[in-house]
Every structure is written in C-alpha cells, then in structure tokens.
Amino acid sequence: MRDLKTFVSDIFRKPPVLFPLVAVFHIVLLCITLYTAIKEPGNTTYLGLLWMTAYAFFWVGTADLRKWGALGYIGVTVVSIVVWYMAYAVGHRPSNGSPIFLIDLLFSFFIMFYFKRFR
C-alpha cells in the first residue's frame, strides 16, 4: 500500500493536468455540499451529498489513472442521467439527480478519451 504522500504526488504528476484540477473541483464541491447539508438538512440535500461523495471518490481514482475510478465515474454519471430522465419523463422536476450531471457528462468524455492510459 502506498503512503499518502506518494499517492498525492502521483495524482499530480502522472495524469494530464485536467485530471488533478477536476479532482480539486470535486473535492471543493463535496465540501460545499457537506456544509449545505449540515446547515440546511433535508432529503434532497443528503441526496446531493451522496452524489457528490460518489463523484469525488471515483474521480480521485480517475486522477490516479485507475480503471475502477474511471468506470465508476462513468457508471455514476449514467445512473444520474437515468434518474434525471425518469423524473423528467413523468413530469416532475428532476431534483433527485446529481447537481452537476451536465458537467459530469463532459468529464466522462475526457475519461473515455484517455482510457487507454489507465491501469
């Protein structure tokens, strides 16, 4: 098992510069969502926290160029789109999906473009 210092340095040295920047973006959004969940508790707030935790976790794996992180991120994005579409199809305001699922689509395309470099 690698130590934390090696893990963090690998994330910032190995992948293209976009991957660590997006990891920082996801971690910052996770902290903001956590703060919102503590300040204004509610079911949709906790669902947003769950989505952001999954996205941040899998993107950190992606930033380390791990296939499980990339596939997990794409899988969470697909589930988020399905949840959003199902709510939209029955006429409800899609509030159960990820708060940033359109941006996550863009990030998923970056993952697919670099997927051959992953371990």
PDB file of N, CA and C in Angstrom:
ATOM      1  N   MET A   1       0.848  -1.186   0.000  1.00  0.00           N
ATOM      2  CA  MET A   1       0.000   0.000   0.000  1.00  0.00           C
ATOM      3  C   MET A   1       0.886   1.240   0.000  1.00  0.00           C
ATOM      4  N   ARG A   2       0.575   2.129  -0.899  1.00  0.00           N
ATOM      5  CA  ARG A   2       1.352   3.368  -0.980  1.00  0.00           C
ATOM      6  C   ARG A   2       1.000   4.306   0.172  1.00  0.00           C
ATOM      7  N   ASP A   3       1.966   5.102   0.571  1.00  0.00           N
ATOM      8  CA  ASP A   3       1.656   6.073   1.609  1.00  0.00           C
ATOM      9  C   ASP A   3       0.959   7.289   0.984  1.00  0.00           C
ATOM     10  N   LEU A   4       0.411   8.135   1.821  1.00  0.00           N
ATOM     11  CA  LEU A   4      -0.403   9.261   1.358  1.00  0.00           C
ATOM     12  C   LEU A   4       0.408  10.252   0.525  1.00  0.00           C
ATOM     13  N   LYS A   5       1.655  10.492   0.903  1.00  0.00           N
ATOM     14  CA  LYS A   5       2.489  11.448   0.174  1.00  0.00           C
ATOM     15  C   LYS A   5       2.749  10.969  -1.255  1.00  0.00           C
ATOM     16  N   THR A   6       3.049   9.689  -1.426  1.00  0.00           N
ATOM     17  CA  THR A   6       3.265   9.128  -2.750  1.00  0.00           C
ATOM     18  C   THR A   6       1.979   9.167  -3.568  1.00  0.00           C
ATOM     19  N   PHE A   7       0.850   8.852  -2.929  1.00  0.00           N
ATOM     20  CA  PHE A   7      -0.442   8.864  -3.616  1.00  0.00           C
ATOM     21  C   PHE A   7      -0.766  10.256  -4.151  1.00  0.00           C
ATOM     22  N   VAL A   8      -0.598  11.274  -3.316  1.00  0.00           N
ATOM     23  CA  VAL A   8      -0.907  12.650  -3.723  1.00  0.00           C
ATOM     24  C   VAL A   8       0.059  13.117  -4.810  1.00  0.00           C
ATOM     25  N   SER A   9       1.336  12.803  -4.682  1.00  0.00           N
ATOM     26  CA  SER A   9       2.292  13.231  -5.712  1.00  0.00           C
ATOM     27  C   SER A   9       2.033  12.517  -7.032  1.00  0.00           C
ATOM     28  N   ASP A  10       1.611  11.247  -6.987  1.00  0.00           N
ATOM     29  CA  ASP A  10       1.278  10.522  -8.217  1.00  0.00           C
ATOM     30  C   ASP A  10       0.076  11.147  -8.927  1.00  0.00           C
ATOM     31  N   ILE A  11      -0.894  11.598  -8.144  1.00  0.00           N
ATOM     32  CA  ILE A  11      -2.089  12.199  -8.749  1.00  0.00           C
ATOM     33  C   ILE A  11      -1.719  13.481  -9.494  1.00  0.00           C
ATOM     34  N   PHE A  12      -0.751  14.227  -8.992  1.00  0.00           N
ATOM     35  CA  PHE A  12      -0.398  15.487  -9.635  1.00  0.00           C
ATOM     36  C   PHE A  12       0.704  15.354 -10.682  1.00  0.00           C
ATOM     37  N   ARG A  13       1.398  14.211 -10.758  1.00  0.00           N
ATOM     38  CA  ARG A  13       2.480  14.045 -11.723  1.00  0.00           C
ATOM     39  C   ARG A  13       2.115  13.192 -12.929  1.00  0.00           C
ATOM     40  N   LYS A  14       1.374  12.117 -12.738  1.00  0.00           N
ATOM     41  CA  LYS A  14       1.139  11.159 -13.810  1.00  0.00           C
ATOM     42  C   LYS A  14       0.095  11.588 -14.842  1.00  0.00           C
ATOM     43  N   PRO A  15      -1.111  11.982 -14.422  1.00  0.00           N
ATOM     44  CA  PRO A  15      -2.140  12.235 -15.429  1.00  0.00           C
ATOM     45  C   PRO A  15      -1.992  13.606 -16.091  1.00  0.00           C
ATOM     46  N   PRO A  16      -2.773  13.840 -17.157  1.00  0.00           N
ATOM     47  CA  PRO A  16      -2.819  15.186 -17.733  1.00  0.00           C
ATOM     48  C   PRO A  16      -3.308  16.189 -16.683  1.00  0.00           C
ATOM     49  N   VAL A  17      -2.969  17.445 -16.858  1.00  0.00           N
ATOM     50  CA  VAL A  17      -3.236  18.477 -15.850  1.00  0.00           C
ATOM     51  C   VAL A  17      -4.721  18.623 -15.551  1.00  0.00           C
ATOM     52  N   LEU A  18      -5.573  18.267 -16.479  1.00  0.00           N
ATOM     53  CA  LEU A  18      -7.018  18.381 -16.273  1.00  0.00           C
ATOM     54  C   LEU A  18      -7.499  17.489 -15.128  1.00  0.00           C
ATOM     55  N   PHE A  19      -6.964  16.306 -15.002  1.00  0.00           N
ATOM     56  CA  PHE A  19      -7.450  15.346 -14.019  1.00  0.00           C
ATOM     57  C   PHE A  19      -7.261  15.812 -12.572  1.00  0.00           C
ATOM     58  N   PRO A  20      -6.080  16.288 -12.164  1.00  0.00           N
ATOM     59  CA  PRO A  20      -5.973  16.774 -10.785  1.00  0.00           C
ATOM     60  C   PRO A  20      -6.812  18.025 -10.528  1.00  0.00           C
ATOM     61  N   LEU A  21      -6.931  18.884 -11.536  1.00  0.00           N
ATOM     62  CA  LEU A  21      -7.756  20.084 -11.360  1.00  0.00           C
ATOM     63  C   LEU A  21      -9.222  19.724 -11.146  1.00  0.00           C
ATOM     64  N   VAL A  22      -9.699  18.743 -11.882  1.00  0.00           N
ATOM     65  CA  VAL A  22     -11.083  18.289 -11.708  1.00  0.00           C
ATOM     66  C   VAL A  22     -11.244  17.596 -10.359  1.00  0.00           C
ATOM     67  N   ALA A  23     -10.210  16.908  -9.897  1.00  0.00           N
ATOM     68  CA  ALA A  23     -10.271  16.284  -8.569  1.00  0.00           C
ATOM     69  C   ALA A  23     -10.420  17.348  -7.490  1.00  0.00           C
ATOM     70  N   VAL A  24      -9.672  18.426  -7.603  1.00  0.00           N
ATOM     71  CA  VAL A  24      -9.794  19.527  -6.644  1.00  0.00           C
ATOM     72  C   VAL A  24     -11.185  20.143  -6.744  1.00  0.00           C
ATOM     73  N   PHE A  25     -11.695  20.309  -7.955  1.00  0.00           N
ATOM     74  CA  PHE A  25     -13.041  20.835  -8.175  1.00  0.00           C
ATOM     75  C   PHE A  25     -14.091  19.969  -7.473  1.00  0.00           C
ATOM     76  N   HIS A  26     -13.989  18.645  -7.635  1.00  0.00           N
ATOM     77  CA  HIS A  26     -14.951  17.742  -6.999  1.00  0.00           C
ATOM     78  C   HIS A  26     -14.839  17.782  -5.474  1.00  0.00           C
ATOM     79  N   ILE A  27     -13.637  17.858  -4.957  1.00  0.00           N
ATOM     80  CA  ILE A  27     -13.460  17.897  -3.503  1.00  0.00           C
ATOM     81  C   ILE A  27     -14.012  19.200  -2.929  1.00  0.00           C
ATOM     82  N   VAL A  28     -13.799  20.310  -3.632  1.00  0.00           N
ATOM     83  CA  VAL A  28     -14.357  21.588  -3.184  1.00  0.00           C
ATOM     84  C   VAL A  28     -15.884  21.542  -3.216  1.00  0.00           C
ATOM     85  N   LEU A  29     -16.458  20.994  -4.294  1.00  0.00           N
ATOM     86  CA  LEU A  29     -17.917  20.877  -4.364  1.00  0.00           C
ATOM     87  C   LEU A  29     -18.458  19.938  -3.289  1.00  0.00           C
ATOM     88  N   LEU A  30     -17.712  18.890  -2.972  1.00  0.00           N
ATOM     89  CA  LEU A  30     -18.120  17.992  -1.892  1.00  0.00           C
ATOM     90  C   LEU A  30     -18.143  18.731  -0.564  1.00  0.00           C
ATOM     91  N   CYS A  31     -17.140  19.554  -0.305  1.00  0.00           N
ATOM     92  CA  CYS A  31     -17.119  20.332   0.942  1.00  0.00           C
ATOM     93  C   CYS A  31     -18.267  21.331   1.000  1.00  0.00           C
ATOM     94  N   ILE A  32     -18.566  21.983  -0.119  1.00  0.00           N
ATOM     95  CA  ILE A  32     -19.692  22.920  -0.163  1.00  0.00           C
ATOM     96  C   ILE A  32     -21.003  22.187   0.067  1.00  0.00           C
ATOM     97  N   THR A  33     -21.166  21.029  -0.543  1.00  0.00           N
ATOM     98  CA  THR A  33     -22.387  20.243  -0.370  1.00  0.00           C
ATOM     99  C   THR A  33     -22.508  19.746   1.058  1.00  0.00           C
ATOM    100  N   LEU A  34     -21.402  19.342   1.669  1.00  0.00           N
ATOM    101  CA  LEU A  34     -21.411  18.912   3.063  1.00  0.00           C
ATOM    102  C   LEU A  34     -21.815  20.064   3.975  1.00  0.00           C
ATOM    103  N   TYR A  35     -21.281  21.241   3.728  1.00  0.00           N
ATOM    104  CA  TYR A  35     -21.646  22.419   4.509  1.00  0.00           C
ATOM    105  C   TYR A  35     -23.138  22.727   4.359  1.00  0.00           C
ATOM    106  N   THR A  36     -23.649  22.628   3.146  1.00  0.00           N
ATOM    107  CA  THR A  36     -25.071  22.868   2.902  1.00  0.00           C
ATOM    108  C   THR A  36     -25.936  21.826   3.594  1.00  0.00           C
ATOM    109  N   ALA A  37     -25.496  20.577   3.583  1.00  0.00           N
ATOM    110  CA  ALA A  37     -26.267  19.517   4.233  1.00  0.00           C
ATOM    111  C   ALA A  37     -26.315  19.709   5.747  1.00  0.00           C
ATOM    112  N   ILE A  38     -25.247  20.220   6.310  1.00  0.00           N
ATOM    113  CA  ILE A  38     -25.235  20.477   7.754  1.00  0.00           C
ATOM    114  C   ILE A  38     -26.081  21.701   8.085  1.00  0.00           C
ATOM    115  N   LYS A  39     -25.974  22.734   7.263  1.00  0.00           N
ATOM    116  CA  LYS A  39     -26.670  23.988   7.523  1.00  0.00           C
ATOM    117  C   LYS A  39     -28.177  23.891   7.250  1.00  0.00           C
ATOM    118  N   GLU A  40     -28.565  23.217   6.166  1.00  0.00           N
ATOM    119  CA  GLU A  40     -29.967  23.083   5.780  1.00  0.00           C
ATOM    120  C   GLU A  40     -30.295  21.606   5.541  1.00  0.00           C
ATOM    121  N   PRO A  41     -30.546  20.846   6.586  1.00  0.00           N
ATOM    122  CA  PRO A  41     -30.810  19.419   6.387  1.00  0.00           C
ATOM    123  C   PRO A  41     -32.115  19.181   5.640  1.00  0.00           C
ATOM    124  N   GLY A  42     -32.114  18.117   4.858  1.00  0.00           N
ATOM    125  CA  GLY A  42     -33.289  17.726   4.092  1.00  0.00           C
ATOM    126  C   GLY A  42     -32.941  16.550   3.198  1.00  0.00           C
ATOM    127  N   ASN A  43     -33.956  15.874   2.707  1.00  0.00           N
ATOM    128  CA  ASN A  43     -33.715  14.680   1.892  1.00  0.00           C
ATOM    129  C   ASN A  43     -32.946  14.990   0.614  1.00  0.00           C
ATOM    130  N   THR A  44     -33.324  16.049  -0.096  1.00  0.00           N
ATOM    131  CA  THR A  44     -32.626  16.352  -1.347  1.00  0.00           C
ATOM    132  C   THR A  44     -31.201  16.824  -1.081  1.00  0.00           C
ATOM    133  N   THR A  45     -30.966  17.459   0.045  1.00  0.00           N
ATOM    134  CA  THR A  45     -29.607  17.879   0.398  1.00  0.00           C
ATOM    135  C   THR A  45     -28.728  16.668   0.639  1.00  0.00           C
ATOM    136  N   TYR A  46     -29.270  15.664   1.315  1.00  0.00           N
ATOM    137  CA  TYR A  46     -28.493  14.453   1.570  1.00  0.00           C
ATOM    138  C   TYR A  46     -28.268  13.648   0.292  1.00  0.00           C
ATOM    139  N   LEU A  47     -29.225  13.678  -0.634  1.00  0.00           N
ATOM    140  CA  LEU A  47     -29.019  13.009  -1.914  1.00  0.00           C
ATOM    141  C   LEU A  47     -27.909  13.688  -2.710  1.00  0.00           C
ATOM    142  N   GLY A  48     -27.881  15.014  -2.669  1.00  0.00           N
ATOM    143  CA  GLY A  48     -26.797  15.737  -3.326  1.00  0.00           C
ATOM    144  C   GLY A  48     -25.454  15.410  -2.711  1.00  0.00           C
ATOM    145  N   LEU A  49     -25.430  15.251  -1.400  1.00  0.00           N
ATOM    146  CA  LEU A  49     -24.194  14.872  -0.706  1.00  0.00           C
ATOM    147  C   LEU A  49     -23.753  13.470  -1.129  1.00  0.00           C
ATOM    148  N   LEU A  50     -24.694  12.567  -1.267  1.00  0.00           N
ATOM    149  CA  LEU A  50     -24.384  11.212  -1.717  1.00  0.00           C
ATOM    150  C   LEU A  50     -23.816  11.219  -3.138  1.00  0.00           C
ATOM    151  N   TRP A  51     -24.451  11.979  -4.033  1.00  0.00           N
ATOM    152  CA  TRP A  51     -23.943  12.078  -5.402  1.00  0.00           C
ATOM    153  C   TRP A  51     -22.532  12.646  -5.422  1.00  0.00           C
ATOM    154  N   MET A  52     -22.311  13.735  -4.697  1.00  0.00           N
ATOM    155  CA  MET A  52     -21.006  14.388  -4.724  1.00  0.00           C
ATOM    156  C   MET A  52     -19.923  13.517  -4.090  1.00  0.00           C
ATOM    157  N   THR A  53     -20.285  12.738  -3.065  1.00  0.00           N
ATOM    158  CA  THR A  53     -19.315  11.820  -2.461  1.00  0.00           C
ATOM    159  C   THR A  53     -18.892  10.756  -3.471  1.00  0.00           C
ATOM    160  N   ALA A  54     -19.856  10.207  -4.184  1.00  0.00           N
ATOM    161  CA  ALA A  54     -19.540   9.191  -5.197  1.00  0.00           C
ATOM    162  C   ALA A  54     -18.681   9.776  -6.311  1.00  0.00           C
ATOM    163  N   TYR A  55     -19.064  10.945  -6.788  1.00  0.00           N
ATOM    164  CA  TYR A  55     -18.289  11.572  -7.860  1.00  0.00           C
ATOM    165  C   TYR A  55     -16.867  11.906  -7.410  1.00  0.00           C
ATOM    166  N   ALA A  56     -16.710  12.455  -6.224  1.00  0.00           N
ATOM    167  CA  ALA A  56     -15.376  12.809  -5.736  1.00  0.00           C
ATOM    168  C   ALA A  56     -14.519  11.555  -5.540  1.00  0.00           C
ATOM    169  N   PHE A  57     -15.104  10.514  -4.948  1.00  0.00           N
ATOM    170  CA  PHE A  57     -14.365   9.278  -4.712  1.00  0.00           C
ATOM    171  C   PHE A  57     -13.869   8.673  -6.021  1.00  0.00           C
ATOM    172  N   PHE A  58     -14.767   8.545  -6.992  1.00  0.00           N
ATOM    173  CA  PHE A  58     -14.372   7.924  -8.251  1.00  0.00           C
ATOM    174  C   PHE A  58     -13.437   8.815  -9.065  1.00  0.00           C
ATOM    175  N   TRP A  59     -13.583  10.135  -8.952  1.00  0.00           N
ATOM    176  CA  TRP A  59     -12.665  10.986  -9.716  1.00  0.00           C
ATOM    177  C   TRP A  59     -11.261  10.951  -9.121  1.00  0.00           C
ATOM    178  N   VAL A  60     -11.115  10.813  -7.830  1.00  0.00           N
ATOM    179  CA  VAL A  60      -9.782  10.677  -7.248  1.00  0.00           C
ATOM    180  C   VAL A  60      -9.129   9.401  -7.788  1.00  0.00           C
ATOM    181  N   GLY A  61      -9.904   8.323  -7.923  1.00  0.00           N
ATOM    182  CA  GLY A  61      -9.382   7.113  -8.560  1.00  0.00           C
ATOM    183  C   GLY A  61      -9.026   7.352 -10.018  1.00  0.00           C
ATOM    184  N   THR A  62      -9.817   8.155 -10.696  1.00  0.00           N
ATOM    185  CA  THR A  62      -9.541   8.502 -12.089  1.00  0.00           C
ATOM    186  C   THR A  62      -8.274   9.339 -12.195  1.00  0.00           C
ATOM    187  N   ALA A  63      -8.094  10.278 -11.272  1.00  0.00           N
ATOM    188  CA  ALA A  63      -6.893  11.117 -11.287  1.00  0.00           C
ATOM    189  C   ALA A  63      -5.636  10.297 -11.027  1.00  0.00           C
ATOM    190  N   ASP A  64      -5.786   9.138 -10.384  1.00  0.00           N
ATOM    191  CA  ASP A  64      -4.662   8.221 -10.176  1.00  0.00           C
ATOM    192  C   ASP A  64      -4.528   7.245 -11.342  1.00  0.00           C
ATOM    193  N   LEU A  65      -5.281   7.486 -12.406  1.00  0.00           N
ATOM    194  CA  LEU A  65      -5.294   6.672 -13.623  1.00  0.00           C
ATOM    195  C   LEU A  65      -5.660   5.215 -13.340  1.00  0.00           C
ATOM    196  N   ARG A  66      -6.678   5.017 -12.539  1.00  0.00           N
ATOM    197  CA  ARG A  66      -7.180   3.676 -12.225  1.00  0.00           C
ATOM    198  C   ARG A  66      -8.445   3.411 -13.027  1.00  0.00           C
ATOM    199  N   LYS A  67      -8.530   2.223 -13.610  1.00  0.00           N
ATOM    200  CA  LYS A  67      -9.715   1.888 -14.409  1.00  0.00           C
ATOM    201  C   LYS A  67     -10.967   1.808 -13.553  1.00  0.00           C
ATOM    202  N   TRP A  68     -10.855   1.336 -12.302  1.00  0.00           N
ATOM    203  CA  TRP A  68     -12.044   1.250 -11.449  1.00  0.00           C
ATOM    204  C   TRP A  68     -12.609   2.637 -11.178  1.00  0.00           C
ATOM    205  N   GLY A  69     -11.741   3.640 -11.066  1.00  0.00           N
ATOM    206  CA  GLY A  69     -12.210   5.000 -10.853  1.00  0.00           C
ATOM    207  C   GLY A  69     -12.920   5.544 -12.078  1.00  0.00           C
ATOM    208  N   ALA A  70     -12.339   5.285 -13.246  1.00  0.00           N
ATOM    209  CA  ALA A  70     -12.944   5.766 -14.495  1.00  0.00           C
ATOM    210  C   ALA A  70     -14.283   5.091 -14.756  1.00  0.00           C
ATOM    211  N   LEU A  71     -14.318   3.775 -14.599  1.00  0.00           N
ATOM    212  CA  LEU A  71     -15.576   3.056 -14.844  1.00  0.00           C
ATOM    213  C   LEU A  71     -16.627   3.411 -13.802  1.00  0.00           C
ATOM    214  N   GLY A  72     -16.217   3.591 -12.563  1.00  0.00           N
ATOM    215  CA  GLY A  72     -17.159   4.000 -11.527  1.00  0.00           C
ATOM    216  C   GLY A  72     -17.727   5.383 -11.788  1.00  0.00           C
ATOM    217  N   TYR A  73     -16.876   6.306 -12.231  1.00  0.00           N
ATOM    218  CA  TYR A  73     -17.336   7.667 -12.521  1.00  0.00           C
ATOM    219  C   TYR A  73     -18.337   7.668 -13.670  1.00  0.00           C
ATOM    220  N   ILE A  74     -18.012   6.934 -14.723  1.00  0.00           N
ATOM    221  CA  ILE A  74     -18.933   6.851 -15.858  1.00  0.00           C
ATOM    222  C   ILE A  74     -20.228   6.172 -15.425  1.00  0.00           C
ATOM    223  N   GLY A  75     -20.140   5.140 -14.592  1.00  0.00           N
ATOM    224  CA  GLY A  75     -21.340   4.456 -14.102  1.00  0.00           C
ATOM    225  C   GLY A  75     -22.226   5.373 -13.265  1.00  0.00           C
ATOM    226  N   VAL A  76     -21.623   6.155 -12.380  1.00  0.00           N
ATOM    227  CA  VAL A  76     -22.406   7.089 -11.563  1.00  0.00           C
ATOM    228  C   VAL A  76     -23.047   8.153 -12.454  1.00  0.00           C
ATOM    229  N   THR A  77     -22.335   8.587 -13.491  1.00  0.00           N
ATOM    230  CA  THR A  77     -22.894   9.562 -14.424  1.00  0.00           C
ATOM    231  C   THR A  77     -24.088   8.985 -15.173  1.00  0.00           C
ATOM    232  N   VAL A  78     -23.982   7.743 -15.594  1.00  0.00           N
ATOM    233  CA  VAL A  78     -25.101   7.098 -16.300  1.00  0.00           C
ATOM    234  C   VAL A  78     -26.306   6.959 -15.368  1.00  0.00           C
ATOM    235  N   VAL A  79     -26.084   6.537 -14.142  1.00  0.00           N
ATOM    236  CA  VAL A  79     -27.183   6.418 -13.178  1.00  0.00           C
ATOM    237  C   VAL A  79     -27.818   7.778 -12.931  1.00  0.00           C
ATOM    238  N   SER A  80     -27.005   8.816 -12.840  1.00  0.00           N
ATOM    239  CA  SER A  80     -27.524  10.165 -12.624  1.00  0.00           C
ATOM    240  C   SER A  80     -28.392  10.621 -13.793  1.00  0.00           C
ATOM    241  N   ILE A  81     -27.966  10.323 -15.003  1.00  0.00           N
ATOM    242  CA  ILE A  81     -28.759  10.689 -16.183  1.00  0.00           C
ATOM    243  C   ILE A  81     -30.070   9.928 -16.198  1.00  0.00           C
ATOM    244  N   VAL A  82     -30.037   8.644 -15.873  1.00  0.00           N
ATOM    245  CA  VAL A  82     -31.265   7.842 -15.838  1.00  0.00           C
ATOM    246  C   VAL A  82     -32.230   8.373 -14.785  1.00  0.00           C
ATOM    247  N   VAL A  83     -31.727   8.709 -13.604  1.00  0.00           N
ATOM    248  CA  VAL A  83     -32.579   9.261 -12.546  1.00  0.00           C
ATOM    249  C   VAL A  83     -33.193  10.585 -12.996  1.00  0.00           C
ATOM    250  N   TRP A  84     -32.374  11.433 -13.608  1.00  0.00           N
ATOM    251  CA  TRP A  84     -32.874  12.719 -14.084  1.00  0.00           C
ATOM    252  C   TRP A  84     -33.936  12.522 -15.155  1.00  0.00           C
ATOM    253  N   TYR A  85     -33.660  11.632 -16.119  1.00  0.00           N
ATOM    254  CA  TYR A  85     -34.594  11.419 -17.215  1.00  0.00           C
ATOM    255  C   TYR A  85     -35.905  10.799 -16.738  1.00  0.00           C
ATOM    256  N   MET A  86     -35.826   9.856 -15.825  1.00  0.00           N
ATOM    257  CA  MET A  86     -37.056   9.223 -15.330  1.00  0.00           C
ATOM    258  C   MET A  86     -37.945  10.236 -14.615  1.00  0.00           C
ATOM    259  N   ALA A  87     -37.360  11.122 -13.832  1.00  0.00           N
ATOM    260  CA  ALA A  87     -38.148  12.162 -13.172  1.00  0.00           C
ATOM    261  C   ALA A  87     -38.725  13.128 -14.197  1.00  0.00           C
ATOM    262  N   TYR A  88     -37.946  13.478 -15.194  1.00  0.00           N
ATOM    263  CA  TYR A  88     -38.404  14.399 -16.239  1.00  0.00           C
ATOM    264  C   TYR A  88     -39.504  13.766 -17.082  1.00  0.00           C
ATOM    265  N   ALA A  89     -39.396  12.462 -17.350  1.00  0.00           N
ATOM    266  CA  ALA A  89     -40.369  11.770 -18.202  1.00  0.00           C
ATOM    267  C   ALA A  89     -41.745  11.686 -17.556  1.00  0.00           C
ATOM    268  N   VAL A  90     -41.813  11.606 -16.238  1.00  0.00           N
ATOM    269  CA  VAL A  90     -43.121  11.528 -15.578  1.00  0.00           C
ATOM    270  C   VAL A  90     -43.651  12.900 -15.193  1.00  0.00           C
ATOM    271  N   GLY A  91     -42.921  13.963 -15.577  1.00  0.00           N
ATOM    272  CA  GLY A  91     -43.422  15.308 -15.364  1.00  0.00           C
ATOM    273  C   GLY A  91     -43.024  15.975 -14.069  1.00  0.00           C
ATOM    274  N   HIS A  92     -42.094  15.388 -13.334  1.00  0.00           N
ATOM    275  CA  HIS A  92     -41.622  16.004 -12.095  1.00  0.00           C
ATOM    276  C   HIS A  92     -40.366  16.820 -12.357  1.00  0.00           C
ATOM    277  N   ARG A  93     -40.130  17.748 -11.469  1.00  0.00           N
ATOM    278  CA  ARG A  93     -38.876  18.498 -11.528  1.00  0.00           C
ATOM    279  C   ARG A  93     -37.757  17.563 -11.089  1.00  0.00           C
ATOM    280  N   PRO A  94     -36.755  17.330 -11.926  1.00  0.00           N
ATOM    281  CA  PRO A  94     -35.701  16.370 -11.586  1.00  0.00           C
ATOM    282  C   PRO A  94     -34.796  16.875 -10.461  1.00  0.00           C
ATOM    283  N   SER A  95     -35.169  16.618  -9.227  1.00  0.00           N
ATOM    284  CA  SER A  95     -34.375  17.091  -8.092  1.00  0.00           C
ATOM    285  C   SER A  95     -33.589  15.974  -7.418  1.00  0.00           C
ATOM    286  N   ASN A  96     -33.762  14.736  -7.845  1.00  0.00           N
ATOM    287  CA  ASN A  96     -33.063  13.621  -7.207  1.00  0.00           C
ATOM    288  C   ASN A  96     -31.745  13.290  -7.882  1.00  0.00           C
ATOM    289  N   GLY A  97     -31.465  13.882  -9.020  1.00  0.00           N
ATOM    290  CA  GLY A  97     -30.231  13.593  -9.735  1.00  0.00           C
ATOM    291  C   GLY A  97     -29.066  14.385  -9.183  1.00  0.00           C
ATOM    292  N   SER A  98     -27.942  14.180  -9.789  1.00  0.00           N
ATOM    293  CA  SER A  98     -26.738  14.888  -9.379  1.00  0.00           C
ATOM    294  C   SER A  98     -26.875  16.378  -9.665  1.00  0.00           C
ATOM    295  N   PRO A  99     -26.359  17.210  -8.776  1.00  0.00           N
ATOM    296  CA  PRO A  99     -26.456  18.650  -9.014  1.00  0.00           C
ATOM    297  C   PRO A  99     -25.602  19.132 -10.193  1.00  0.00           C
ATOM    298  N   ILE A 100     -24.612  18.366 -10.606  1.00  0.00           N
ATOM    299  CA  ILE A 100     -23.724  18.808 -11.683  1.00  0.00           C
ATOM    300  C   ILE A 100     -23.628  17.774 -12.804  1.00  0.00           C
ATOM    301  N   PHE A 101     -24.729  17.081 -13.100  1.00  0.00           N
ATOM    302  CA  PHE A 101     -24.609  15.953 -14.019  1.00  0.00           C
ATOM    303  C   PHE A 101     -24.259  16.374 -15.448  1.00  0.00           C
ATOM    304  N   LEU A 102     -24.573  17.580 -15.873  1.00  0.00           N
ATOM    305  CA  LEU A 102     -24.193  18.012 -17.220  1.00  0.00           C
ATOM    306  C   LEU A 102     -22.677  18.202 -17.320  1.00  0.00           C
ATOM    307  N   ILE A 103     -22.072  18.720 -16.274  1.00  0.00           N
ATOM    308  CA  ILE A 103     -20.617  18.859 -16.246  1.00  0.00           C
ATOM    309  C   ILE A 103     -19.970  17.479 -16.188  1.00  0.00           C
ATOM    310  N   ASP A 104     -20.609  16.567 -15.453  1.00  0.00           N
ATOM    311  CA  ASP A 104     -20.073  15.210 -15.342  1.00  0.00           C
ATOM    312  C   ASP A 104     -20.082  14.493 -16.684  1.00  0.00           C
ATOM    313  N   LEU A 105     -21.026  14.819 -17.551  1.00  0.00           N
ATOM    314  CA  LEU A 105     -21.017  14.256 -18.906  1.00  0.00           C
ATOM    315  C   LEU A 105     -19.748  14.671 -19.643  1.00  0.00           C
ATOM    316  N   LEU A 106     -19.401  15.929 -19.528  1.00  0.00           N
ATOM    317  CA  LEU A 106     -18.185  16.428 -20.164  1.00  0.00           C
ATOM    318  C   LEU A 106     -16.950  15.729 -19.604  1.00  0.00           C
ATOM    319  N   PHE A 107     -16.887  15.577 -18.286  1.00  0.00           N
ATOM    320  CA  PHE A 107     -15.751  14.902 -17.667  1.00  0.00           C
ATOM    321  C   PHE A 107     -15.688  13.431 -18.084  1.00  0.00           C
ATOM    322  N   SER A 108     -16.841  12.806 -18.284  1.00  0.00           N
ATOM    323  CA  SER A 108     -16.856  11.408 -18.732  1.00  0.00           C
ATOM    324  C   SER A 108     -16.262  11.270 -20.133  1.00  0.00           C
ATOM    325  N   PHE A 109     -16.473  12.248 -20.979  1.00  0.00           N
ATOM    326  CA  PHE A 109     -15.858  12.207 -22.306  1.00  0.00           C
ATOM    327  C   PHE A 109     -14.336  12.318 -22.215  1.00  0.00           C
ATOM    328  N   PHE A 110     -13.842  13.140 -21.284  1.00  0.00           N
ATOM    329  CA  PHE A 110     -12.395  13.210 -21.078  1.00  0.00           C
ATOM    330  C   PHE A 110     -11.848  11.866 -20.606  1.00  0.00           C
ATOM    331  N   ILE A 111     -12.596  11.195 -19.740  1.00  0.00           N
ATOM    332  CA  ILE A 111     -12.172   9.873 -19.271  1.00  0.00           C
ATOM    333  C   ILE A 111     -12.087   8.900 -20.440  1.00  0.00           C
ATOM    334  N   MET A 112     -13.099   8.899 -21.285  1.00  0.00           N
ATOM    335  CA  MET A 112     -13.107   7.971 -22.422  1.00  0.00           C
ATOM    336  C   MET A 112     -11.971   8.264 -23.395  1.00  0.00           C
ATOM    337  N   PHE A 113     -11.611   9.525 -23.531  1.00  0.00           N
ATOM    338  CA  PHE A 113     -10.520   9.900 -24.429  1.00  0.00           C
ATOM    339  C   PHE A 113      -9.174   9.374 -23.928  1.00  0.00           C
ATOM    340  N   TYR A 114      -8.953   9.377 -22.616  1.00  0.00           N
ATOM    341  CA  TYR A 114      -7.684   8.951 -22.020  1.00  0.00           C
ATOM    342  C   TYR A 114      -7.721   7.529 -21.455  1.00  0.00           C
ATOM    343  N   PHE A 115      -8.772   6.774 -21.693  1.00  0.00           N
ATOM    344  CA  PHE A 115      -8.960   5.490 -21.019  1.00  0.00           C
ATOM    345  C   PHE A 115      -7.833   4.494 -21.284  1.00  0.00           C
ATOM    346  N   LYS A 116      -7.210   4.524 -22.446  1.00  0.00           N
ATOM    347  CA  LYS A 116      -6.137   3.571 -22.756  1.00  0.00           C
ATOM    348  C   LYS A 116      -4.900   3.758 -21.869  1.00  0.00           C
ATOM    349  N   ARG A 117      -4.742   4.922 -21.273  1.00  0.00           N
ATOM    350  CA  ARG A 117      -3.581   5.185 -20.409  1.00  0.00           C
ATOM    351  C   ARG A 117      -3.795   4.693 -18.987  1.00  0.00           C
ATOM    352  N   PHE A 118      -4.995   4.248 -18.660  1.00  0.00           N
ATOM    353  CA  PHE A 118      -5.309   3.851 -17.279  1.00  0.00           C
ATOM    354  C   PHE A 118      -4.779   2.461 -16.995  1.00  0.00           C
ATOM    355  N   ARG A 119      -4.526   2.208 -15.655  1.00  0.00           N
ATOM    356  CA  ARG A 119      -4.075   0.883 -15.226  1.00  0.00           C
ATOM    357  C   ARG A 119      -5.247   0.136 -14.647  1.00  0.00           C
TER     358      ARG A 119
END
